[in-house]
PDB file of all heavy atoms in Angstrom:
ATOM      1  N   PRO A   1     -13.317  -0.140 -16.000  1.00  0.00           N
ATOM      2  CA  PRO A   1     -12.124  -0.977 -16.040  1.00  0.00           C
ATOM      3  C   PRO A   1     -12.193  -1.897 -14.768  1.00  0.00           C
ATOM      4  O   PRO A   1     -12.667  -1.480 -13.711  1.00  0.00           O
ATOM      5  CB  PRO A   1     -11.073   0.170 -15.886  1.00  0.00           C
ATOM      6  CG  PRO A   1     -11.594   1.334 -16.426  1.00  0.00           C
ATOM      7  CD  PRO A   1     -13.093   1.251 -16.050  1.00  0.00           C
ATOM      8  N   MET A   2     -11.668  -3.173 -15.025  1.00  0.00           N
ATOM      9  CA  MET A   2     -11.694  -4.210 -13.940  1.00  0.00           C
ATOM     10  C   MET A   2     -11.212  -3.678 -12.612  1.00  0.00           C
ATOM     11  O   MET A   2     -11.886  -3.869 -11.576  1.00  0.00           O
ATOM     12  CB  MET A   2     -10.865  -5.353 -14.379  1.00  0.00           C
ATOM     13  CG  MET A   2     -11.622  -6.117 -15.396  1.00  0.00           C
ATOM     14  SD  MET A   2     -10.659  -7.656 -15.639  1.00  0.00           S
ATOM     15  CE  MET A   2     -10.154  -7.568 -17.354  1.00  0.00           C
ATOM     16  N   ILE A   3     -10.198  -2.899 -12.467  1.00  0.00           N
ATOM     17  CA  ILE A   3      -9.644  -2.554 -11.218  1.00  0.00           C
ATOM     18  C   ILE A   3     -10.476  -1.392 -10.555  1.00  0.00           C
ATOM     19  O   ILE A   3     -10.501  -1.435  -9.299  1.00  0.00           O
ATOM     20  CB  ILE A   3      -8.177  -1.894 -11.462  1.00  0.00           C
ATOM     21  CG1 ILE A   3      -7.376  -1.867 -10.066  1.00  0.00           C
ATOM     22  CG2 ILE A   3      -8.276  -0.585 -12.246  1.00  0.00           C
ATOM     23  CD1 ILE A   3      -5.958  -1.783 -10.085  1.00  0.00           C
ATOM     24  N   MET A   4     -11.259  -0.735 -11.363  1.00  0.00           N
ATOM     25  CA  MET A   4     -12.117   0.309 -10.783  1.00  0.00           C
ATOM     26  C   MET A   4     -13.339  -0.327  -9.938  1.00  0.00           C
ATOM     27  O   MET A   4     -13.835   0.177  -9.038  1.00  0.00           O
ATOM     28  CB  MET A   4     -12.569   1.170 -11.738  1.00  0.00           C
ATOM     29  CG  MET A   4     -11.500   2.058 -12.414  1.00  0.00           C
ATOM     30  SD  MET A   4     -10.496   2.994 -11.301  1.00  0.00           S
ATOM     31  CE  MET A   4     -11.653   4.433 -11.125  1.00  0.00           C
ATOM     32  N   HIS A   5     -13.573  -1.676 -10.310  1.00  0.00           N
ATOM     33  CA  HIS A   5     -14.743  -2.358  -9.599  1.00  0.00           C
ATOM     34  C   HIS A   5     -14.231  -2.506  -8.069  1.00  0.00           C
ATOM     35  O   HIS A   5     -14.969  -2.427  -7.246  1.00  0.00           O
ATOM     36  CB  HIS A   5     -15.005  -3.671 -10.267  1.00  0.00           C
ATOM     37  CG  HIS A   5     -15.900  -3.497 -11.469  1.00  0.00           C
ATOM     38  ND1 HIS A   5     -17.157  -3.461 -11.542  1.00  0.00           N
ATOM     39  CD2 HIS A   5     -15.392  -3.470 -12.775  1.00  0.00           C
ATOM     40  CE1 HIS A   5     -17.662  -3.535 -12.839  1.00  0.00           C
ATOM     41  NE2 HIS A   5     -16.509  -3.457 -13.563  1.00  0.00           N
ATOM     42  N   LEU A   6     -12.974  -2.922  -7.924  1.00  0.00           N
ATOM     43  CA  LEU A   6     -12.374  -3.042  -6.645  1.00  0.00           C
ATOM     44  C   LEU A   6     -12.383  -1.781  -5.910  1.00  0.00           C
ATOM     45  O   LEU A   6     -12.777  -1.639  -4.628  1.00  0.00           O
ATOM     46  CB  LEU A   6     -11.024  -3.612  -6.668  1.00  0.00           C
ATOM     47  CG  LEU A   6     -10.983  -5.166  -6.765  1.00  0.00           C
ATOM     48  CD1 LEU A   6      -9.406  -5.462  -6.972  1.00  0.00           C
ATOM     49  CD2 LEU A   6     -11.460  -5.809  -5.478  1.00  0.00           C
ATOM     50  N   PHE A   7     -11.939  -0.678  -6.527  1.00  0.00           N
ATOM     51  CA  PHE A   7     -11.898   0.713  -5.898  1.00  0.00           C
ATOM     52  C   PHE A   7     -13.241   1.100  -5.509  1.00  0.00           C
ATOM     53  O   PHE A   7     -13.385   1.696  -4.501  1.00  0.00           O
ATOM     54  CB  PHE A   7     -11.237   1.710  -6.867  1.00  0.00           C
ATOM     55  CG  PHE A   7      -9.840   1.453  -7.243  1.00  0.00           C
ATOM     56  CD1 PHE A   7      -9.296   2.181  -8.200  1.00  0.00           C
ATOM     57  CD2 PHE A   7      -9.053   0.608  -6.444  1.00  0.00           C
ATOM     58  CE1 PHE A   7      -7.884   2.044  -8.586  1.00  0.00           C
ATOM     59  CE2 PHE A   7      -7.749   0.412  -6.848  1.00  0.00           C
ATOM     60  CZ  PHE A   7      -7.171   1.108  -7.752  1.00  0.00           C
ATOM     61  N   ARG A   8     -14.307   0.854  -6.424  1.00  0.00           N
ATOM     62  CA  ARG A   8     -15.584   1.386  -5.989  1.00  0.00           C
ATOM     63  C   ARG A   8     -16.211   0.443  -4.967  1.00  0.00           C
ATOM     64  O   ARG A   8     -16.990   1.066  -4.079  1.00  0.00           O
ATOM     65  CB  ARG A   8     -16.625   1.252  -7.212  1.00  0.00           C
ATOM     66  CG  ARG A   8     -16.260   2.348  -8.186  1.00  0.00           C
ATOM     67  CD  ARG A   8     -17.429   2.763  -9.045  1.00  0.00           C
ATOM     68  NE  ARG A   8     -17.115   3.846  -9.877  1.00  0.00           N
ATOM     69  CZ  ARG A   8     -17.849   4.058 -10.955  1.00  0.00           C
ATOM     70  NH1 ARG A   8     -18.734   3.312 -11.345  1.00  0.00           N
ATOM     71  NH2 ARG A   8     -17.452   5.166 -11.655  1.00  0.00           N
ATOM     72  N   LYS A   9     -15.822  -0.727  -4.883  1.00  0.00           N
ATOM     73  CA  LYS A   9     -16.376  -1.656  -3.761  1.00  0.00           C
ATOM     74  C   LYS A   9     -15.821  -1.314  -2.436  1.00  0.00           C
ATOM     75  O   LYS A   9     -16.532  -1.401  -1.295  1.00  0.00           O
ATOM     76  CB  LYS A   9     -16.201  -3.114  -4.216  1.00  0.00           C
ATOM     77  CG  LYS A   9     -16.750  -4.092  -3.048  1.00  0.00           C
ATOM     78  CD  LYS A   9     -16.872  -5.462  -3.721  1.00  0.00           C
ATOM     79  CE  LYS A   9     -17.581  -6.419  -2.912  1.00  0.00           C
ATOM     80  NZ  LYS A   9     -18.984  -6.118  -2.624  1.00  0.00           N
ATOM     81  N   TYR A  10     -14.519  -0.887  -2.363  1.00  0.00           N
ATOM     82  CA  TYR A  10     -13.733  -0.677  -1.171  1.00  0.00           C
ATOM     83  C   TYR A  10     -13.138   0.709  -1.116  1.00  0.00           C
ATOM     84  O   TYR A  10     -11.972   0.806  -1.095  1.00  0.00           O
ATOM     85  CB  TYR A  10     -12.743  -1.767  -0.884  1.00  0.00           C
ATOM     86  CG  TYR A  10     -13.394  -2.996  -0.812  1.00  0.00           C
ATOM     87  CD1 TYR A  10     -13.036  -4.051  -1.745  1.00  0.00           C
ATOM     88  CD2 TYR A  10     -14.163  -3.518   0.228  1.00  0.00           C
ATOM     89  CE1 TYR A  10     -13.568  -5.413  -1.649  1.00  0.00           C
ATOM     90  CE2 TYR A  10     -14.732  -4.734   0.368  1.00  0.00           C
ATOM     91  CZ  TYR A  10     -14.415  -5.584  -0.561  1.00  0.00           C
ATOM     92  OH  TYR A  10     -15.040  -6.909  -0.562  1.00  0.00           O
ATOM     93  N   PRO A  11     -13.948   1.903  -1.234  1.00  0.00           N
ATOM     94  CA  PRO A  11     -13.216   3.084  -1.326  1.00  0.00           C
ATOM     95  C   PRO A  11     -12.594   3.604  -0.143  1.00  0.00           C
ATOM     96  O   PRO A  11     -11.654   4.421  -0.327  1.00  0.00           O
ATOM     97  CB  PRO A  11     -14.513   4.027  -1.572  1.00  0.00           C
ATOM     98  CG  PRO A  11     -15.693   3.313  -0.905  1.00  0.00           C
ATOM     99  CD  PRO A  11     -15.295   1.888  -1.035  1.00  0.00           C
ATOM    100  N   ASP A  12     -12.713   2.986   1.046  1.00  0.00           N
ATOM    101  CA  ASP A  12     -11.989   3.365   2.126  1.00  0.00           C
ATOM    102  C   ASP A  12     -10.726   2.474   2.439  1.00  0.00           C
ATOM    103  O   ASP A  12     -10.019   2.777   3.431  1.00  0.00           O
ATOM    104  CB  ASP A  12     -13.009   3.352   3.490  1.00  0.00           C
ATOM    105  CG  ASP A  12     -13.530   1.903   3.613  1.00  0.00           C
ATOM    106  OD1 ASP A  12     -13.586   1.154   2.651  1.00  0.00           O
ATOM    107  OD2 ASP A  12     -13.753   1.501   4.816  1.00  0.00           O
ATOM    108  N   LYS A  13     -10.413   1.558   1.635  1.00  0.00           N
ATOM    109  CA  LYS A  13      -9.222   0.687   1.917  1.00  0.00           C
ATOM    110  C   LYS A  13      -7.991   1.361   1.352  1.00  0.00           C
ATOM    111  O   LYS A  13      -8.127   2.244   0.497  1.00  0.00           O
ATOM    112  CB  LYS A  13      -9.349  -0.568   1.283  1.00  0.00           C
ATOM    113  CG  LYS A  13     -10.652  -1.397   1.708  1.00  0.00           C
ATOM    114  CD  LYS A  13     -10.693  -1.639   3.199  1.00  0.00           C
ATOM    115  CE  LYS A  13     -11.972  -2.363   3.636  1.00  0.00           C
ATOM    116  NZ  LYS A  13     -12.074  -2.407   5.059  1.00  0.00           N
ATOM    117  N   LYS A  14      -6.813   0.876   1.702  1.00  0.00           N
ATOM    118  CA  LYS A  14      -5.452   1.286   1.150  1.00  0.00           C
ATOM    119  C   LYS A  14      -5.054   0.161   0.143  1.00  0.00           C
ATOM    120  O   LYS A  14      -4.927  -0.858   0.578  1.00  0.00           O
ATOM    121  CB  LYS A  14      -4.480   1.447   2.349  1.00  0.00           C
ATOM    122  CG  LYS A  14      -4.773   2.557   3.311  1.00  0.00           C
ATOM    123  CD  LYS A  14      -3.917   2.579   4.416  1.00  0.00           C
ATOM    124  CE  LYS A  14      -4.265   3.682   5.300  1.00  0.00           C
ATOM    125  NZ  LYS A  14      -4.332   3.369   6.640  1.00  0.00           N
ATOM    126  N   PHE A  15      -5.031   0.566  -1.030  1.00  0.00           N
ATOM    127  CA  PHE A  15      -4.596  -0.306  -2.172  1.00  0.00           C
ATOM    128  C   PHE A  15      -3.111  -0.170  -2.531  1.00  0.00           C
ATOM    129  O   PHE A  15      -2.484   0.889  -2.499  1.00  0.00           O
ATOM    130  CB  PHE A  15      -5.470   0.111  -3.430  1.00  0.00           C
ATOM    131  CG  PHE A  15      -6.976  -0.334  -3.269  1.00  0.00           C
ATOM    132  CD1 PHE A  15      -7.780   0.616  -2.763  1.00  0.00           C
ATOM    133  CD2 PHE A  15      -7.313  -1.576  -3.754  1.00  0.00           C
ATOM    134  CE1 PHE A  15      -9.260   0.334  -2.711  1.00  0.00           C
ATOM    135  CE2 PHE A  15      -8.669  -1.850  -3.673  1.00  0.00           C
ATOM    136  CZ  PHE A  15      -9.601  -0.967  -3.089  1.00  0.00           C
ATOM    137  N   ILE A  16      -2.601  -1.400  -2.733  1.00  0.00           N
ATOM    138  CA  ILE A  16      -1.234  -1.550  -3.177  1.00  0.00           C
ATOM    139  C   ILE A  16      -1.366  -2.307  -4.476  1.00  0.00           C
ATOM    140  O   ILE A  16      -1.707  -3.416  -4.563  1.00  0.00           O
ATOM    141  CB  ILE A  16      -0.281  -2.257  -2.203  1.00  0.00           C
ATOM    142  CG1 ILE A  16      -0.268  -1.574  -0.837  1.00  0.00           C
ATOM    143  CG2 ILE A  16       1.066  -2.421  -2.772  1.00  0.00           C
ATOM    144  CD1 ILE A  16       0.300  -2.429   0.255  1.00  0.00           C
ATOM    145  N   VAL A  17      -1.192  -1.582  -5.667  1.00  0.00           N
ATOM    146  CA  VAL A  17      -1.320  -2.117  -6.860  1.00  0.00           C
ATOM    147  C   VAL A  17      -0.130  -2.442  -7.516  1.00  0.00           C
ATOM    148  O   VAL A  17       0.798  -1.619  -7.544  1.00  0.00           O
ATOM    149  CB  VAL A  17      -2.091  -0.999  -7.782  1.00  0.00           C
ATOM    150  CG1 VAL A  17      -2.396  -1.714  -9.342  1.00  0.00           C
ATOM    151  CG2 VAL A  17      -3.455  -0.686  -7.110  1.00  0.00           C
ATOM    152  N   ILE A  18       0.105  -3.814  -7.921  1.00  0.00           N
ATOM    153  CA  ILE A  18       1.307  -4.328  -8.651  1.00  0.00           C
ATOM    154  C   ILE A  18       0.982  -4.142 -10.156  1.00  0.00           C
ATOM    155  O   ILE A  18       0.135  -4.776 -10.698  1.00  0.00           O
ATOM    156  CB  ILE A  18       1.577  -5.765  -8.205  1.00  0.00           C
ATOM    157  CG1 ILE A  18       1.690  -5.866  -6.795  1.00  0.00           C
ATOM    158  CG2 ILE A  18       2.779  -6.170  -9.032  1.00  0.00           C
ATOM    159  CD1 ILE A  18       1.747  -7.256  -6.219  1.00  0.00           C
ATOM    160  N   GLY A  19       1.771  -3.308 -10.926  1.00  0.00           N
ATOM    161  CA  GLY A  19       1.765  -3.199 -12.267  1.00  0.00           C
ATOM    162  C   GLY A  19       2.940  -3.878 -12.939  1.00  0.00           C
ATOM    163  O   GLY A  19       4.094  -3.904 -12.334  1.00  0.00           O
ATOM    164  N   ASP A  20       2.860  -4.185 -14.201  1.00  0.00           N
ATOM    165  CA  ASP A  20       3.997  -4.689 -15.057  1.00  0.00           C
ATOM    166  C   ASP A  20       3.788  -4.260 -16.460  1.00  0.00           C
ATOM    167  O   ASP A  20       4.210  -3.230 -16.911  1.00  0.00           O
ATOM    168  CB  ASP A  20       4.081  -6.209 -14.843  1.00  0.00           C
ATOM    169  CG  ASP A  20       5.103  -6.925 -15.625  1.00  0.00           C
ATOM    170  OD1 ASP A  20       5.765  -6.190 -16.369  1.00  0.00           O
ATOM    171  OD2 ASP A  20       5.187  -8.075 -15.606  1.00  0.00           O
ATOM    172  N   TYR A  21       3.034  -4.983 -17.151  1.00  0.00           N
ATOM    173  CA  TYR A  21       2.800  -4.784 -18.552  1.00  0.00           C
ATOM    174  C   TYR A  21       2.053  -3.474 -18.864  1.00  0.00           C
ATOM    175  O   TYR A  21       1.020  -3.102 -18.201  1.00  0.00           O
ATOM    176  CB  TYR A  21       1.856  -5.850 -19.136  1.00  0.00           C
ATOM    177  CG  TYR A  21       1.327  -5.652 -20.588  1.00  0.00           C
ATOM    178  CD1 TYR A  21       2.313  -5.756 -21.624  1.00  0.00           C
ATOM    179  CD2 TYR A  21       0.047  -5.341 -20.845  1.00  0.00           C
ATOM    180  CE1 TYR A  21       1.879  -5.571 -22.928  1.00  0.00           C
ATOM    181  CE2 TYR A  21      -0.306  -5.186 -22.138  1.00  0.00           C
ATOM    182  CZ  TYR A  21       0.551  -5.284 -23.300  1.00  0.00           C
ATOM    183  OH  TYR A  21       0.113  -5.068 -24.537  1.00  0.00           O
ATOM    184  N   LEU A  22       2.718  -2.733 -19.655  1.00  0.00           N
ATOM    185  CA  LEU A  22       2.309  -1.223 -19.898  1.00  0.00           C
ATOM    186  C   LEU A  22       2.136  -0.525 -18.569  1.00  0.00           C
ATOM    187  O   LEU A  22       1.118   0.112 -18.292  1.00  0.00           O
ATOM    188  CB  LEU A  22       1.032  -1.257 -20.724  1.00  0.00           C
ATOM    189  CG  LEU A  22       1.243  -1.787 -22.204  1.00  0.00           C
ATOM    190  CD1 LEU A  22      -0.125  -1.776 -22.987  1.00  0.00           C
ATOM    191  CD2 LEU A  22       2.269  -0.941 -23.039  1.00  0.00           C
ATOM    192  N   TYR A  23       3.157  -0.627 -17.781  1.00  0.00           N
ATOM    193  CA  TYR A  23       3.031   0.026 -16.343  1.00  0.00           C
ATOM    194  C   TYR A  23       2.902   1.472 -16.427  1.00  0.00           C
ATOM    195  O   TYR A  23       2.168   2.009 -15.688  1.00  0.00           O
ATOM    196  CB  TYR A  23       4.477  -0.251 -15.716  1.00  0.00           C
ATOM    197  CG  TYR A  23       4.670   0.381 -14.387  1.00  0.00           C
ATOM    198  CD1 TYR A  23       4.245  -0.332 -13.151  1.00  0.00           C
ATOM    199  CD2 TYR A  23       5.192   1.577 -14.127  1.00  0.00           C
ATOM    200  CE1 TYR A  23       4.394   0.183 -11.993  1.00  0.00           C
ATOM    201  CE2 TYR A  23       5.373   2.173 -12.905  1.00  0.00           C
ATOM    202  CZ  TYR A  23       4.968   1.405 -11.888  1.00  0.00           C
ATOM    203  OH  TYR A  23       5.070   1.995 -10.646  1.00  0.00           O
ATOM    204  N   ASP A  24       3.445   2.248 -17.467  1.00  0.00           N
ATOM    205  CA  ASP A  24       3.260   3.577 -17.648  1.00  0.00           C
ATOM    206  C   ASP A  24       1.894   3.999 -17.940  1.00  0.00           C
ATOM    207  O   ASP A  24       1.411   5.025 -17.406  1.00  0.00           O
ATOM    208  CB  ASP A  24       4.209   4.214 -18.602  1.00  0.00           C
ATOM    209  CG  ASP A  24       3.992   3.574 -20.022  1.00  0.00           C
ATOM    210  OD1 ASP A  24       3.697   2.430 -20.127  1.00  0.00           O
ATOM    211  OD2 ASP A  24       4.329   4.199 -21.035  1.00  0.00           O
ATOM    212  N   VAL A  25       1.077   3.198 -18.614  1.00  0.00           N
ATOM    213  CA  VAL A  25      -0.273   3.388 -18.975  1.00  0.00           C
ATOM    214  C   VAL A  25      -1.059   3.354 -17.711  1.00  0.00           C
ATOM    215  O   VAL A  25      -2.018   4.128 -17.431  1.00  0.00           O
ATOM    216  CB  VAL A  25      -0.886   2.498 -20.072  1.00  0.00           C
ATOM    217  CG1 VAL A  25      -2.283   2.579 -20.252  1.00  0.00           C
ATOM    218  CG2 VAL A  25      -0.129   2.724 -21.451  1.00  0.00           C
ATOM    219  N   LEU A  26      -0.823   2.194 -16.906  1.00  0.00           N
ATOM    220  CA  LEU A  26      -1.506   1.982 -15.638  1.00  0.00           C
ATOM    221  C   LEU A  26      -1.275   3.130 -14.642  1.00  0.00           C
ATOM    222  O   LEU A  26      -2.249   3.669 -14.027  1.00  0.00           O
ATOM    223  CB  LEU A  26      -1.226   0.697 -14.975  1.00  0.00           C
ATOM    224  CG  LEU A  26      -1.850   0.304 -13.683  1.00  0.00           C
ATOM    225  CD1 LEU A  26      -3.318   0.143 -13.886  1.00  0.00           C
ATOM    226  CD2 LEU A  26      -1.192  -0.997 -13.228  1.00  0.00           C
ATOM    227  N   ASP A  27      -0.024   3.508 -14.585  1.00  0.00           N
ATOM    228  CA  ASP A  27       0.439   4.767 -13.674  1.00  0.00           C
ATOM    229  C   ASP A  27      -0.365   5.888 -14.032  1.00  0.00           C
ATOM    230  O   ASP A  27      -0.896   6.539 -13.228  1.00  0.00           O
ATOM    231  CB  ASP A  27       1.890   4.929 -13.768  1.00  0.00           C
ATOM    232  CG  ASP A  27       2.360   5.964 -12.813  1.00  0.00           C
ATOM    233  OD1 ASP A  27       1.720   6.111 -11.643  1.00  0.00           O
ATOM    234  OD2 ASP A  27       3.423   6.521 -13.187  1.00  0.00           O
ATOM    235  N   LYS A  28      -0.396   6.335 -15.314  1.00  0.00           N
ATOM    236  CA  LYS A  28      -1.147   7.492 -15.741  1.00  0.00           C
ATOM    237  C   LYS A  28      -2.583   7.398 -15.487  1.00  0.00           C
ATOM    238  O   LYS A  28      -3.269   8.402 -15.066  1.00  0.00           O
ATOM    239  CB  LYS A  28      -0.805   7.767 -17.266  1.00  0.00           C
ATOM    240  CG  LYS A  28       0.534   8.247 -17.506  1.00  0.00           C
ATOM    241  CD  LYS A  28       0.806   8.438 -19.138  1.00  0.00           C
ATOM    242  CE  LYS A  28       2.236   8.725 -19.226  1.00  0.00           C
ATOM    243  NZ  LYS A  28       2.637   8.670 -20.616  1.00  0.00           N
ATOM    244  N   TYR A  29      -3.134   6.237 -15.745  1.00  0.00           N
ATOM    245  CA  TYR A  29      -4.535   6.061 -15.566  1.00  0.00           C
ATOM    246  C   TYR A  29      -5.039   6.258 -14.117  1.00  0.00           C
ATOM    247  O   TYR A  29      -5.913   6.961 -13.781  1.00  0.00           O
ATOM    248  CB  TYR A  29      -5.035   4.771 -16.073  1.00  0.00           C
ATOM    249  CG  TYR A  29      -6.576   4.526 -15.981  1.00  0.00           C
ATOM    250  CD1 TYR A  29      -7.517   5.016 -17.060  1.00  0.00           C
ATOM    251  CD2 TYR A  29      -7.092   4.085 -14.855  1.00  0.00           C
ATOM    252  CE1 TYR A  29      -8.864   4.888 -16.878  1.00  0.00           C
ATOM    253  CE2 TYR A  29      -8.563   3.800 -14.703  1.00  0.00           C
ATOM    254  CZ  TYR A  29      -9.331   4.298 -15.675  1.00  0.00           C
ATOM    255  OH  TYR A  29     -10.611   4.336 -15.508  1.00  0.00           O
ATOM    256  N   LEU A  30      -4.291   5.546 -13.223  1.00  0.00           N
ATOM    257  CA  LEU A  30      -4.571   5.647 -11.844  1.00  0.00           C
ATOM    258  C   LEU A  30      -4.312   6.938 -11.320  1.00  0.00           C
ATOM    259  O   LEU A  30      -5.159   7.423 -10.351  1.00  0.00           O
ATOM    260  CB  LEU A  30      -3.669   4.548 -11.062  1.00  0.00           C
ATOM    261  CG  LEU A  30      -3.951   3.181 -11.258  1.00  0.00           C
ATOM    262  CD1 LEU A  30      -3.001   2.332 -10.503  1.00  0.00           C
ATOM    263  CD2 LEU A  30      -5.349   2.749 -11.077  1.00  0.00           C
ATOM    264  N   HIS A  31      -3.314   7.551 -11.742  1.00  0.00           N
ATOM    265  CA  HIS A  31      -3.006   9.136 -11.300  1.00  0.00           C
ATOM    266  C   HIS A  31      -4.255  10.049 -11.629  1.00  0.00           C
ATOM    267  O   HIS A  31      -4.586  10.929 -10.745  1.00  0.00           O
ATOM    268  CB  HIS A  31      -1.679   9.406 -11.945  1.00  0.00           C
ATOM    269  CG  HIS A  31      -1.322  10.884 -11.438  1.00  0.00           C
ATOM    270  ND1 HIS A  31      -0.867  11.183 -10.294  1.00  0.00           N
ATOM    271  CD2 HIS A  31      -1.540  12.204 -12.124  1.00  0.00           C
ATOM    272  CE1 HIS A  31      -0.731  12.422 -10.082  1.00  0.00           C
ATOM    273  NE2 HIS A  31      -1.046  13.096 -11.235  1.00  0.00           N
ATOM    274  N   LYS A  32      -4.824   9.682 -12.778  1.00  0.00           N
ATOM    275  CA  LYS A  32      -5.876  10.618 -13.237  1.00  0.00           C
ATOM    276  C   LYS A  32      -7.313  10.200 -12.663  1.00  0.00           C
ATOM    277  O   LYS A  32      -8.098  11.191 -12.368  1.00  0.00           O
ATOM    278  CB  LYS A  32      -5.959  10.668 -14.803  1.00  0.00           C
ATOM    279  CG  LYS A  32      -7.028  11.533 -15.306  1.00  0.00           C
ATOM    280  CD  LYS A  32      -6.649  12.002 -16.684  1.00  0.00           C
ATOM    281  CE  LYS A  32      -7.566  12.939 -17.208  1.00  0.00           C
ATOM    282  NZ  LYS A  32      -7.296  14.440 -17.005  1.00  0.00           N
ATOM    283  N   PHE A  33      -7.536   8.931 -12.527  1.00  0.00           N
ATOM    284  CA  PHE A  33      -8.931   8.446 -12.252  1.00  0.00           C
ATOM    285  C   PHE A  33      -9.123   7.893 -10.869  1.00  0.00           C
ATOM    286  O   PHE A  33     -10.287   7.767 -10.342  1.00  0.00           O
ATOM    287  CB  PHE A  33      -9.487   7.577 -13.360  1.00  0.00           C
ATOM    288  CG  PHE A  33      -9.501   8.239 -14.622  1.00  0.00           C
ATOM    289  CD1 PHE A  33      -8.525   7.979 -15.634  1.00  0.00           C
ATOM    290  CD2 PHE A  33     -10.450   9.217 -14.932  1.00  0.00           C
ATOM    291  CE1 PHE A  33      -8.658   8.583 -16.946  1.00  0.00           C
ATOM    292  CE2 PHE A  33     -10.607   9.865 -16.104  1.00  0.00           C
ATOM    293  CZ  PHE A  33      -9.795   9.630 -17.099  1.00  0.00           C
TER     294      PHE A  33
END
């Protein structure tokens, strides 16, 4: 997933992710992975 490319590139950074469309899907995915 596109967002995971950023997470892998910068694993030591603090991310603030802005969600909107299908927010609950994004929330569940991030929580799990």
